[in-house]
């Protein structure tokens, strides 16, 4: 038996990644992380509020239809 030869299959960096594809990673300060979380939460609450308003409007219409039917 002959021993298996291991070939070096290390991934080679592509030309696009090194020639200006992405910015280098820079760590964020804890303040930046918290501010980013606040911004995301505000957006999420705004989206949910808009959805809730639409659901309330639909409920109002359905209740009005119920009154007509009774």
C-alpha atoms as a PDB file:
ATOM      1  CA  UNK A   1       0.000   0.000   0.000  1.00  0.00           C
ATOM      2  CA  UNK A   2       1.180   3.446  -0.775  1.00  0.00           C
ATOM      3  CA  UNK A   3       0.392   6.299   1.608  1.00  0.00           C
ATOM      4  CA  UNK A   4      -2.150   8.782   0.358  1.00  0.00           C
ATOM      5  CA  UNK A   5      -0.743  12.097  -0.638  1.00  0.00           C
ATOM      6  CA  UNK A   6      -2.583  15.074   0.709  1.00  0.00           C
ATOM      7  CA  UNK A   7      -2.881  17.867  -1.755  1.00  0.00           C
ATOM      8  CA  UNK A   8      -3.024  21.401  -0.515  1.00  0.00           C
ATOM      9  CA  UNK A   9      -6.587  22.497  -1.239  1.00  0.00           C
ATOM     10  CA  UNK A  10      -6.435  25.815   0.593  1.00  0.00           C
ATOM     11  CA  UNK A  11      -8.885  28.299  -0.899  1.00  0.00           C
ATOM     12  CA  UNK A  12      -7.183  31.024  -2.825  1.00  0.00           C
ATOM     13  CA  UNK A  13      -8.475  34.568  -2.414  1.00  0.00           C
ATOM     14  CA  UNK A  14     -10.285  35.781  -5.465  1.00  0.00           C
ATOM     15  CA  UNK A  15      -9.079  38.816  -7.322  1.00  0.00           C
ATOM     16  CA  UNK A  16     -12.315  40.753  -6.746  1.00  0.00           C
ATOM     17  CA  UNK A  17     -12.175  40.484  -2.945  1.00  0.00           C
ATOM     18  CA  UNK A  18      -8.677  41.917  -2.737  1.00  0.00           C
ATOM     19  CA  UNK A  19      -9.064  44.594  -5.385  1.00  0.00           C
ATOM     20  CA  UNK A  20     -11.676  46.738  -3.665  1.00  0.00           C
ATOM     21  CA  UNK A  21     -14.692  44.439  -3.420  1.00  0.00           C
ATOM     22  CA  UNK A  22     -15.385  44.853   0.300  1.00  0.00           C
ATOM     23  CA  UNK A  23     -14.277  47.227   2.989  1.00  0.00           C
ATOM     24  CA  UNK A  24     -12.086  45.836   5.735  1.00  0.00           C
ATOM     25  CA  UNK A  25     -13.898  44.923   8.952  1.00  0.00           C
ATOM     26  CA  UNK A  26     -13.624  47.482  11.716  1.00  0.00           C
ATOM     27  CA  UNK A  27     -14.877  46.650  15.202  1.00  0.00           C
ATOM     28  CA  UNK A  28     -17.750  48.755  16.535  1.00  0.00           C
ATOM     29  CA  UNK A  29     -17.728  50.401  19.901  1.00  0.00           C
ATOM     30  CA  UNK A  30     -20.382  49.333  22.424  1.00  0.00           C
ATOM     31  CA  UNK A  31     -22.076  52.703  21.955  1.00  0.00           C
ATOM     32  CA  UNK A  32     -22.343  52.149  18.193  1.00  0.00           C
ATOM     33  CA  UNK A  33     -23.788  48.675  18.749  1.00  0.00           C
ATOM     34  CA  UNK A  34     -26.461  49.970  21.138  1.00  0.00           C
ATOM     35  CA  UNK A  35     -27.371  52.867  18.836  1.00  0.00           C
ATOM     36  CA  UNK A  36     -27.678  50.442  15.921  1.00  0.00           C
ATOM     37  CA  UNK A  37     -29.942  48.183  17.993  1.00  0.00           C
ATOM     38  CA  UNK A  38     -32.103  51.178  18.941  1.00  0.00           C
ATOM     39  CA  UNK A  39     -32.445  52.167  15.285  1.00  0.00           C
ATOM     40  CA  UNK A  40     -33.412  48.623  14.282  1.00  0.00           C
ATOM     41  CA  UNK A  41     -35.957  48.411  17.114  1.00  0.00           C
ATOM     42  CA  UNK A  42     -37.501  51.766  16.155  1.00  0.00           C
ATOM     43  CA  UNK A  43     -37.898  50.565  12.570  1.00  0.00           C
ATOM     44  CA  UNK A  44     -39.402  47.264  13.727  1.00  0.00           C
ATOM     45  CA  UNK A  45     -41.880  49.064  16.010  1.00  0.00           C
ATOM     46  CA  UNK A  46     -42.833  51.420  13.195  1.00  0.00           C
ATOM     47  CA  UNK A  47     -43.505  48.502  10.866  1.00  0.00           C
ATOM     48  CA  UNK A  48     -45.580  46.715  13.501  1.00  0.00           C
ATOM     49  CA  UNK A  49     -47.520  49.906  14.242  1.00  0.00           C
ATOM     50  CA  UNK A  50     -48.385  50.304  10.564  1.00  0.00           C
ATOM     51  CA  UNK A  51     -49.512  46.673  10.436  1.00  0.00           C
ATOM     52  CA  UNK A  52     -51.599  47.134  13.593  1.00  0.00           C
ATOM     53  CA  UNK A  53     -53.263  50.239  12.141  1.00  0.00           C
ATOM     54  CA  UNK A  54     -54.186  48.284   9.003  1.00  0.00           C
ATOM     55  CA  UNK A  55     -55.650  45.460  11.117  1.00  0.00           C
ATOM     56  CA  UNK A  56     -57.649  47.937  13.224  1.00  0.00           C
ATOM     57  CA  UNK A  57     -59.039  49.491  10.062  1.00  0.00           C
ATOM     58  CA  UNK A  58     -60.082  46.066   8.783  1.00  0.00           C
ATOM     59  CA  UNK A  59     -61.716  45.241  12.122  1.00  0.00           C
ATOM     60  CA  UNK A  60     -63.668  48.513  12.075  1.00  0.00           C
ATOM     61  CA  UNK A  61     -64.979  47.738   8.591  1.00  0.00           C
ATOM     62  CA  UNK A  62     -65.976  44.219   9.606  1.00  0.00           C
ATOM     63  CA  UNK A  63     -67.757  45.481  12.731  1.00  0.00           C
ATOM     64  CA  UNK A  64     -69.700  47.969  10.625  1.00  0.00           C
ATOM     65  CA  UNK A  65     -70.699  45.159   8.272  1.00  0.00           C
ATOM     66  CA  UNK A  66     -71.780  43.067  11.265  1.00  0.00           C
ATOM     67  CA  UNK A  67     -74.054  45.881  12.475  1.00  0.00           C
ATOM     68  CA  UNK A  68     -75.688  46.064   9.057  1.00  0.00           C
ATOM     69  CA  UNK A  69     -76.274  42.316   9.011  1.00  0.00           C
ATOM     70  CA  UNK A  70     -77.847  42.215  12.486  1.00  0.00           C
END
